[in-house]
Full PDB file with SEQRES, HELIX, SHEET, SSBOND, CRYST1, ORIGX, SCALE, CONECT and MASTER records, all heavy atoms in Angstrom:
SEQRES   1 A   30  ASN ILE GLU GLN ILE ARG ASP ILE LEU GLU MET THR VAL          
SEQRES   2 A   30  GLU LEU ASN ALA ASP TYR VAL GLU LEU ALA SER THR GLN          
SEQRES   3 A   30  TYR TYR GLY TRP                                              
HELIX    1 AA1 ILE A    2  GLN A    4  5                                   3    
HELIX    2 AA2 ILE A    5  GLU A   14  1                                  10    
CRYST1    1.000    1.000    1.000  90.00  90.00  90.00 P 1           1          
ORIGX1      1.000000  0.000000  0.000000        0.00000                         
ORIGX2      0.000000  1.000000  0.000000        0.00000                         
ORIGX3      0.000000  0.000000  1.000000        0.00000                         
SCALE1      1.000000  0.000000  0.000000        0.00000                         
SCALE2      0.000000  1.000000  0.000000        0.00000                         
SCALE3      0.000000  0.000000  1.000000        0.00000                         
ATOM      1  N   ASN A   1      23.420 -16.797  30.876  1.00  0.00           N  
ATOM      2  CA  ASN A   1      23.910 -15.463  30.946  1.00  0.00           C  
ATOM      3  C   ASN A   1      25.344 -15.382  31.333  1.00  0.00           C  
ATOM      4  O   ASN A   1      25.982 -14.294  31.447  1.00  0.00           O  
ATOM      5  CB  ASN A   1      23.058 -14.572  31.850  1.00  0.00           C  
ATOM      6  CG  ASN A   1      23.155 -15.065  33.378  1.00  0.00           C  
ATOM      7  OD1 ASN A   1      23.922 -15.991  33.713  1.00  0.00           O  
ATOM      8  ND2 ASN A   1      22.456 -14.418  34.193  1.00  0.00           N  
ATOM      9  N   ILE A   2      26.050 -16.531  31.608  1.00  0.00           N  
ATOM     10  CA  ILE A   2      27.382 -16.496  32.121  1.00  0.00           C  
ATOM     11  C   ILE A   2      28.341 -15.891  31.108  1.00  0.00           C  
ATOM     12  O   ILE A   2      29.362 -15.281  31.475  1.00  0.00           O  
ATOM     13  CB  ILE A   2      27.799 -17.930  32.519  1.00  0.00           C  
ATOM     14  CG1 ILE A   2      29.089 -17.775  33.393  1.00  0.00           C  
ATOM     15  CG2 ILE A   2      28.036 -18.835  31.374  1.00  0.00           C  
ATOM     16  CD1 ILE A   2      29.377 -19.095  34.121  1.00  0.00           C  
ATOM     17  N   GLU A   3      28.078 -15.992  29.756  1.00  0.00           N  
ATOM     18  CA  GLU A   3      28.929 -15.446  28.798  1.00  0.00           C  
ATOM     19  C   GLU A   3      28.841 -13.961  28.886  1.00  0.00           C  
ATOM     20  O   GLU A   3      29.725 -13.298  28.219  1.00  0.00           O  
ATOM     21  CB  GLU A   3      28.481 -15.997  27.404  1.00  0.00           C  
ATOM     22  CG  GLU A   3      28.602 -17.490  27.255  1.00  0.00           C  
ATOM     23  CD  GLU A   3      29.961 -17.964  27.094  1.00  0.00           C  
ATOM     24  OE1 GLU A   3      30.909 -17.159  27.049  1.00  0.00           O  
ATOM     25  OE2 GLU A   3      30.124 -19.251  27.005  1.00  0.00           O  
ATOM     26  N   GLN A   4      27.860 -13.408  29.458  1.00  0.00           N  
ATOM     27  CA  GLN A   4      27.823 -11.830  29.632  1.00  0.00           C  
ATOM     28  C   GLN A   4      28.334 -11.385  30.850  1.00  0.00           C  
ATOM     29  O   GLN A   4      28.205 -10.150  31.126  1.00  0.00           O  
ATOM     30  CB  GLN A   4      26.294 -11.549  29.727  1.00  0.00           C  
ATOM     31  CG  GLN A   4      25.399 -11.762  28.463  1.00  0.00           C  
ATOM     32  CD  GLN A   4      23.993 -11.240  28.664  1.00  0.00           C  
ATOM     33  OE1 GLN A   4      23.638 -10.655  29.692  1.00  0.00           O  
ATOM     34  NE2 GLN A   4      23.196 -11.273  27.597  1.00  0.00           N  
ATOM     35  N   ILE A   5      29.174 -12.073  31.567  1.00  0.00           N  
ATOM     36  CA  ILE A   5      29.570 -11.699  32.936  1.00  0.00           C  
ATOM     37  C   ILE A   5      30.335 -10.389  32.961  1.00  0.00           C  
ATOM     38  O   ILE A   5      30.199  -9.603  33.839  1.00  0.00           O  
ATOM     39  CB  ILE A   5      30.337 -12.889  33.676  1.00  0.00           C  
ATOM     40  CG1 ILE A   5      30.437 -12.523  35.188  1.00  0.00           C  
ATOM     41  CG2 ILE A   5      31.683 -13.039  33.057  1.00  0.00           C  
ATOM     42  CD1 ILE A   5      30.734 -13.685  36.028  1.00  0.00           C  
ATOM     43  N   ARG A   6      31.150 -10.217  31.921  1.00  0.00           N  
ATOM     44  CA  ARG A   6      31.876  -8.874  31.818  1.00  0.00           C  
ATOM     45  C   ARG A   6      30.881  -7.772  31.566  1.00  0.00           C  
ATOM     46  O   ARG A   6      31.019  -6.696  32.262  1.00  0.00           O  
ATOM     47  CB  ARG A   6      32.895  -8.905  30.630  1.00  0.00           C  
ATOM     48  CG  ARG A   6      33.750  -7.613  30.578  1.00  0.00           C  
ATOM     49  CD  ARG A   6      34.837  -7.751  29.508  1.00  0.00           C  
ATOM     50  NE  ARG A   6      35.796  -8.773  29.814  1.00  0.00           N  
ATOM     51  CZ  ARG A   6      36.889  -8.598  30.674  1.00  0.00           C  
ATOM     52  NH1 ARG A   6      37.013  -7.383  31.283  1.00  0.00           N  
ATOM     53  NH2 ARG A   6      37.726  -9.575  30.879  1.00  0.00           N  
ATOM     54  N   ASP A   7      29.978  -7.927  30.715  1.00  0.00           N  
ATOM     55  CA  ASP A   7      28.936  -6.842  30.523  1.00  0.00           C  
ATOM     56  C   ASP A   7      28.070  -6.660  31.762  1.00  0.00           C  
ATOM     57  O   ASP A   7      27.657  -5.543  31.973  1.00  0.00           O  
ATOM     58  CB  ASP A   7      28.013  -7.321  29.261  1.00  0.00           C  
ATOM     59  CG  ASP A   7      28.740  -7.296  28.009  1.00  0.00           C  
ATOM     60  OD1 ASP A   7      29.720  -6.524  27.820  1.00  0.00           O  
ATOM     61  OD2 ASP A   7      28.329  -7.985  27.054  1.00  0.00           O  
ATOM     62  N   ILE A   8      27.757  -7.773  32.387  1.00  0.00           N  
ATOM     63  CA  ILE A   8      27.012  -7.635  33.713  1.00  0.00           C  
ATOM     64  C   ILE A   8      27.770  -6.812  34.691  1.00  0.00           C  
ATOM     65  O   ILE A   8      27.235  -5.876  35.293  1.00  0.00           O  
ATOM     66  CB  ILE A   8      26.692  -9.073  34.271  1.00  0.00           C  
ATOM     67  CG1 ILE A   8      25.646  -9.805  33.419  1.00  0.00           C  
ATOM     68  CG2 ILE A   8      26.257  -8.893  35.728  1.00  0.00           C  
ATOM     69  CD1 ILE A   8      25.471 -11.203  33.791  1.00  0.00           C  
ATOM     70  N   LEU A   9      29.018  -7.053  34.841  1.00  0.00           N  
ATOM     71  CA  LEU A   9      29.838  -6.244  35.731  1.00  0.00           C  
ATOM     72  C   LEU A   9      30.012  -4.816  35.294  1.00  0.00           C  
ATOM     73  O   LEU A   9      29.991  -3.889  36.128  1.00  0.00           O  
ATOM     74  CB  LEU A   9      31.193  -6.992  35.984  1.00  0.00           C  
ATOM     75  CG  LEU A   9      31.110  -8.194  36.877  1.00  0.00           C  
ATOM     76  CD1 LEU A   9      32.350  -9.097  36.739  1.00  0.00           C  
ATOM     77  CD2 LEU A   9      30.788  -7.850  38.287  1.00  0.00           C  
ATOM     78  N   GLU A  10      30.071  -4.671  34.030  1.00  0.00           N  
ATOM     79  CA  GLU A  10      30.145  -3.267  33.451  1.00  0.00           C  
ATOM     80  C   GLU A  10      28.812  -2.519  33.816  1.00  0.00           C  
ATOM     81  O   GLU A  10      28.845  -1.238  34.127  1.00  0.00           O  
ATOM     82  CB  GLU A  10      30.437  -3.231  32.006  1.00  0.00           C  
ATOM     83  CG  GLU A  10      31.833  -3.396  31.623  1.00  0.00           C  
ATOM     84  CD  GLU A  10      32.674  -2.212  32.223  1.00  0.00           C  
ATOM     85  OE1 GLU A  10      32.211  -1.031  32.132  1.00  0.00           O  
ATOM     86  OE2 GLU A  10      33.849  -2.413  32.648  1.00  0.00           O  
ATOM     87  N   MET A  11      27.687  -3.174  33.753  1.00  0.00           N  
ATOM     88  CA  MET A  11      26.434  -2.594  34.100  1.00  0.00           C  
ATOM     89  C   MET A  11      26.412  -2.201  35.590  1.00  0.00           C  
ATOM     90  O   MET A  11      25.902  -1.173  35.902  1.00  0.00           O  
ATOM     91  CB  MET A  11      25.328  -3.596  33.839  1.00  0.00           C  
ATOM     92  CG  MET A  11      23.929  -3.059  34.214  1.00  0.00           C  
ATOM     93  SD  MET A  11      22.559  -4.314  33.967  1.00  0.00           S  
ATOM     94  CE  MET A  11      22.960  -5.472  35.277  1.00  0.00           C  
ATOM     95  N   THR A  12      26.895  -3.011  36.504  1.00  0.00           N  
ATOM     96  CA  THR A  12      26.996  -2.692  37.829  1.00  0.00           C  
ATOM     97  C   THR A  12      27.757  -1.423  38.155  1.00  0.00           C  
ATOM     98  O   THR A  12      27.607  -0.639  39.046  1.00  0.00           O  
ATOM     99  CB  THR A  12      27.434  -3.904  38.719  1.00  0.00           C  
ATOM    100  OG1 THR A  12      28.829  -4.170  38.447  1.00  0.00           O  
ATOM    101  CG2 THR A  12      26.586  -5.101  38.415  1.00  0.00           C  
ATOM    102  N   VAL A  13      28.916  -1.400  37.373  1.00  0.00           N  
ATOM    103  CA  VAL A  13      29.814  -0.147  37.440  1.00  0.00           C  
ATOM    104  C   VAL A  13      29.012   1.028  37.021  1.00  0.00           C  
ATOM    105  O   VAL A  13      29.051   2.132  37.715  1.00  0.00           O  
ATOM    106  CB  VAL A  13      31.097  -0.330  36.629  1.00  0.00           C  
ATOM    107  CG1 VAL A  13      31.856   1.012  36.586  1.00  0.00           C  
ATOM    108  CG2 VAL A  13      31.917  -1.442  37.194  1.00  0.00           C  
ATOM    109  N   GLU A  14      28.332   0.941  35.860  1.00  0.00           N  
ATOM    110  CA  GLU A  14      27.483   2.028  35.387  1.00  0.00           C  
ATOM    111  C   GLU A  14      26.516   2.461  36.381  1.00  0.00           C  
ATOM    112  O   GLU A  14      26.258   3.698  36.582  1.00  0.00           O  
ATOM    113  CB  GLU A  14      26.820   1.647  34.048  1.00  0.00           C  
ATOM    114  CG  GLU A  14      25.735   2.610  33.632  1.00  0.00           C  
ATOM    115  CD  GLU A  14      24.805   1.927  32.610  1.00  0.00           C  
ATOM    116  OE1 GLU A  14      25.034   0.878  32.144  1.00  0.00           O  
ATOM    117  OE2 GLU A  14      23.650   2.479  32.466  1.00  0.00           O  
ATOM    118  N   LEU A  15      25.860   1.578  37.107  1.00  0.00           N  
ATOM    119  CA  LEU A  15      24.885   1.924  38.143  1.00  0.00           C  
ATOM    120  C   LEU A  15      25.368   2.253  39.510  1.00  0.00           C  
ATOM    121  O   LEU A  15      24.667   2.517  40.448  1.00  0.00           O  
ATOM    122  CB  LEU A  15      23.955   0.688  38.210  1.00  0.00           C  
ATOM    123  CG  LEU A  15      23.029   0.399  37.009  1.00  0.00           C  
ATOM    124  CD1 LEU A  15      22.311  -0.957  37.257  1.00  0.00           C  
ATOM    125  CD2 LEU A  15      22.106   1.522  36.831  1.00  0.00           C  
ATOM    126  N   ASN A  16      26.770   2.247  39.636  1.00  0.00           N  
ATOM    127  CA  ASN A  16      27.466   2.771  40.726  1.00  0.00           C  
ATOM    128  C   ASN A  16      27.054   1.873  41.983  1.00  0.00           C  
ATOM    129  O   ASN A  16      26.815   2.354  43.055  1.00  0.00           O  
ATOM    130  CB  ASN A  16      27.160   4.149  41.069  1.00  0.00           C  
ATOM    131  CG  ASN A  16      28.125   4.836  42.059  1.00  0.00           C  
ATOM    132  OD1 ASN A  16      29.236   4.297  42.159  1.00  0.00           O  
ATOM    133  ND2 ASN A  16      27.813   5.890  42.655  1.00  0.00           N  
ATOM    134  N   ALA A  17      27.162   0.526  41.786  1.00  0.00           N  
ATOM    135  CA  ALA A  17      26.786  -0.426  42.823  1.00  0.00           C  
ATOM    136  C   ALA A  17      27.780  -0.468  43.901  1.00  0.00           C  
ATOM    137  O   ALA A  17      28.919  -0.341  43.643  1.00  0.00           O  
ATOM    138  CB  ALA A  17      26.491  -1.836  42.203  1.00  0.00           C  
ATOM    139  N   ASP A  18      27.222  -0.581  45.131  1.00  0.00           N  
ATOM    140  CA  ASP A  18      28.138  -0.719  46.271  1.00  0.00           C  
ATOM    141  C   ASP A  18      28.444  -2.170  46.527  1.00  0.00           C  
ATOM    142  O   ASP A  18      29.592  -2.511  46.982  1.00  0.00           O  
ATOM    143  CB  ASP A  18      27.399  -0.128  47.515  1.00  0.00           C  
ATOM    144  CG  ASP A  18      27.241   1.355  47.426  1.00  0.00           C  
ATOM    145  OD1 ASP A  18      28.220   2.130  47.307  1.00  0.00           O  
ATOM    146  OD2 ASP A  18      26.112   1.826  47.314  1.00  0.00           O  
ATOM    147  N   TYR A  19      27.455  -3.074  46.245  1.00  0.00           N  
ATOM    148  CA  TYR A  19      27.613  -4.446  46.536  1.00  0.00           C  
ATOM    149  C   TYR A  19      27.012  -5.204  45.350  1.00  0.00           C  
ATOM    150  O   TYR A  19      25.865  -4.913  44.816  1.00  0.00           O  
ATOM    151  CB  TYR A  19      26.898  -4.967  47.796  1.00  0.00           C  
ATOM    152  CG  TYR A  19      27.303  -4.351  49.012  1.00  0.00           C  
ATOM    153  CD1 TYR A  19      26.742  -3.113  49.527  1.00  0.00           C  
ATOM    154  CD2 TYR A  19      28.453  -4.778  49.766  1.00  0.00           C  
ATOM    155  CE1 TYR A  19      27.170  -2.531  50.710  1.00  0.00           C  
ATOM    156  CE2 TYR A  19      28.849  -4.134  50.914  1.00  0.00           C  
ATOM    157  CZ  TYR A  19      28.235  -3.074  51.345  1.00  0.00           C  
ATOM    158  OH  TYR A  19      28.637  -2.459  52.534  1.00  0.00           O  
ATOM    159  N   VAL A  20      27.688  -6.204  44.878  1.00  0.00           N  
ATOM    160  CA  VAL A  20      27.257  -7.006  43.680  1.00  0.00           C  
ATOM    161  C   VAL A  20      27.368  -8.513  44.017  1.00  0.00           C  
ATOM    162  O   VAL A  20      28.449  -8.969  44.478  1.00  0.00           O  
ATOM    163  CB  VAL A  20      28.129  -6.802  42.396  1.00  0.00           C  
ATOM    164  CG1 VAL A  20      27.643  -7.730  41.286  1.00  0.00           C  
ATOM    165  CG2 VAL A  20      28.094  -5.270  42.006  1.00  0.00           C  
ATOM    166  N   GLU A  21      26.222  -9.146  43.940  1.00  0.00           N  
ATOM    167  CA  GLU A  21      26.296 -10.552  44.225  1.00  0.00           C  
ATOM    168  C   GLU A  21      26.034 -11.328  42.921  1.00  0.00           C  
ATOM    169  O   GLU A  21      24.978 -11.328  42.323  1.00  0.00           O  
ATOM    170  CB  GLU A  21      25.300 -10.961  45.232  1.00  0.00           C  
ATOM    171  CG  GLU A  21      25.190 -12.499  45.529  1.00  0.00           C  
ATOM    172  CD  GLU A  21      24.170 -12.854  46.610  1.00  0.00           C  
ATOM    173  OE1 GLU A  21      23.486 -11.964  47.034  1.00  0.00           O  
ATOM    174  OE2 GLU A  21      24.080 -14.072  46.947  1.00  0.00           O  
ATOM    175  N   LEU A  22      27.126 -11.950  42.354  1.00  0.00           N  
ATOM    176  CA  LEU A  22      26.941 -12.872  41.257  1.00  0.00           C  
ATOM    177  C   LEU A  22      26.581 -14.207  41.855  1.00  0.00           C  
ATOM    178  O   LEU A  22      27.380 -15.028  42.155  1.00  0.00           O  
ATOM    179  CB  LEU A  22      28.306 -12.854  40.470  1.00  0.00           C  
ATOM    180  CG  LEU A  22      28.769 -11.445  39.983  1.00  0.00           C  
ATOM    181  CD1 LEU A  22      30.276 -11.668  39.310  1.00  0.00           C  
ATOM    182  CD2 LEU A  22      27.843 -10.956  38.909  1.00  0.00           C  
ATOM    183  N   ALA A  23      25.354 -14.442  41.939  1.00  0.00           N  
ATOM    184  CA  ALA A  23      24.828 -15.629  42.661  1.00  0.00           C  
ATOM    185  C   ALA A  23      24.688 -16.768  41.761  1.00  0.00           C  
ATOM    186  O   ALA A  23      23.754 -16.839  40.986  1.00  0.00           O  
ATOM    187  CB  ALA A  23      23.483 -15.243  43.216  1.00  0.00           C  
ATOM    188  N   SER A  24      25.580 -17.666  41.784  1.00  0.00           N  
ATOM    189  CA  SER A  24      25.474 -18.889  40.990  1.00  0.00           C  
ATOM    190  C   SER A  24      24.155 -19.647  41.286  1.00  0.00           C  
ATOM    191  O   SER A  24      23.879 -19.762  42.531  1.00  0.00           O  
ATOM    192  CB  SER A  24      26.696 -19.869  41.249  1.00  0.00           C  
ATOM    193  OG  SER A  24      27.865 -19.276  40.749  1.00  0.00           O  
ATOM    194  N   THR A  25      23.443 -20.023  40.316  1.00  0.00           N  
ATOM    195  CA  THR A  25      22.209 -20.730  40.523  1.00  0.00           C  
ATOM    196  C   THR A  25      22.342 -21.870  41.458  1.00  0.00           C  
ATOM    197  O   THR A  25      23.220 -22.647  41.390  1.00  0.00           O  
ATOM    198  CB  THR A  25      21.642 -21.205  39.161  1.00  0.00           C  
ATOM    199  OG1 THR A  25      21.482 -20.063  38.343  1.00  0.00           O  
ATOM    200  CG2 THR A  25      20.277 -21.861  39.396  1.00  0.00           C  
ATOM    201  N   GLN A  26      21.504 -21.904  42.449  1.00  0.00           N  
ATOM    202  CA  GLN A  26      21.408 -23.091  43.367  1.00  0.00           C  
ATOM    203  C   GLN A  26      20.219 -23.998  42.778  1.00  0.00           C  
ATOM    204  O   GLN A  26      19.151 -23.523  42.630  1.00  0.00           O  
ATOM    205  CB  GLN A  26      21.041 -22.571  44.796  1.00  0.00           C  
ATOM    206  CG  GLN A  26      22.210 -21.719  45.435  1.00  0.00           C  
ATOM    207  CD  GLN A  26      23.504 -22.500  45.555  1.00  0.00           C  
ATOM    208  OE1 GLN A  26      23.512 -23.560  46.146  1.00  0.00           O  
ATOM    209  NE2 GLN A  26      24.519 -21.876  44.982  1.00  0.00           N  
ATOM    210  N   TYR A  27      20.536 -25.241  42.577  1.00  0.00           N  
ATOM    211  CA  TYR A  27      19.594 -26.076  41.787  1.00  0.00           C  
ATOM    212  C   TYR A  27      18.542 -26.803  42.636  1.00  0.00           C  
ATOM    213  O   TYR A  27      18.658 -27.972  42.886  1.00  0.00           O  
ATOM    214  CB  TYR A  27      20.432 -27.027  40.868  1.00  0.00           C  
ATOM    215  CG  TYR A  27      21.143 -26.217  39.826  1.00  0.00           C  
ATOM    216  CD1 TYR A  27      22.427 -25.816  40.063  1.00  0.00           C  
ATOM    217  CD2 TYR A  27      20.517 -25.712  38.658  1.00  0.00           C  
ATOM    218  CE1 TYR A  27      23.142 -24.957  39.107  1.00  0.00           C  
ATOM    219  CE2 TYR A  27      21.105 -24.932  37.748  1.00  0.00           C  
ATOM    220  CZ  TYR A  27      22.462 -24.558  38.004  1.00  0.00           C  
ATOM    221  OH  TYR A  27      23.134 -23.781  37.052  1.00  0.00           O  
ATOM    222  N   TYR A  28      17.666 -25.951  43.090  1.00  0.00           N  
ATOM    223  CA  TYR A  28      16.488 -26.388  43.831  1.00  0.00           C  
ATOM    224  C   TYR A  28      15.271 -25.816  42.994  1.00  0.00           C  
ATOM    225  O   TYR A  28      15.306 -24.901  42.312  1.00  0.00           O  
ATOM    226  CB  TYR A  28      16.491 -25.836  45.209  1.00  0.00           C  
ATOM    227  CG  TYR A  28      17.806 -26.097  45.990  1.00  0.00           C  
ATOM    228  CD1 TYR A  28      18.680 -25.012  46.128  1.00  0.00           C  
ATOM    229  CD2 TYR A  28      18.081 -27.282  46.547  1.00  0.00           C  
ATOM    230  CE1 TYR A  28      19.881 -25.221  46.793  1.00  0.00           C  
ATOM    231  CE2 TYR A  28      19.170 -27.519  47.254  1.00  0.00           C  
ATOM    232  CZ  TYR A  28      20.184 -26.488  47.427  1.00  0.00           C  
ATOM    233  OH  TYR A  28      21.285 -26.718  48.150  1.00  0.00           O  
ATOM    234  N   GLY A  29      14.082 -26.406  43.355  1.00  0.00           N  
ATOM    235  CA  GLY A  29      12.861 -25.845  42.915  1.00  0.00           C  
ATOM    236  C   GLY A  29      12.809 -25.757  41.350  1.00  0.00           C  
ATOM    237  O   GLY A  29      13.180 -26.817  40.666  1.00  0.00           O  
ATOM    238  N   TRP A  30      12.484 -24.606  40.804  1.00  0.00           N  
ATOM    239  CA  TRP A  30      12.463 -24.530  39.337  1.00  0.00           C  
ATOM    240  C   TRP A  30      13.722 -24.702  38.605  1.00  0.00           C  
ATOM    241  O   TRP A  30      13.784 -25.240  37.572  1.00  0.00           O  
ATOM    242  CB  TRP A  30      11.743 -23.114  39.051  1.00  0.00           C  
ATOM    243  CG  TRP A  30      10.435 -22.930  39.546  1.00  0.00           C  
ATOM    244  CD1 TRP A  30      10.114 -22.633  40.827  1.00  0.00           C  
ATOM    245  CD2 TRP A  30       9.231 -23.364  38.889  1.00  0.00           C  
ATOM    246  NE1 TRP A  30       8.624 -22.713  40.944  1.00  0.00           N  
ATOM    247  CE2 TRP A  30       8.136 -23.143  39.722  1.00  0.00           C  
ATOM    248  CE3 TRP A  30       9.000 -23.733  37.618  1.00  0.00           C  
ATOM    249  CZ2 TRP A  30       6.816 -23.430  39.361  1.00  0.00           C  
ATOM    250  CZ3 TRP A  30       7.601 -24.025  37.200  1.00  0.00           C  
ATOM    251  CH2 TRP A  30       6.615 -23.773  38.158  1.00  0.00           C  
TER     252      TRP A  30                                                      
MASTER        0    0    0    2    0    0    0    6  251    1    0    3          
END                                                                             
């Protein structure tokens, strides 16, 4: 999904988010 990051951020703007965590995957478990 990293190629969508602009669209992801636009979605958070649309939803009027106060906090956005673009959480890079931590490679544990699955």
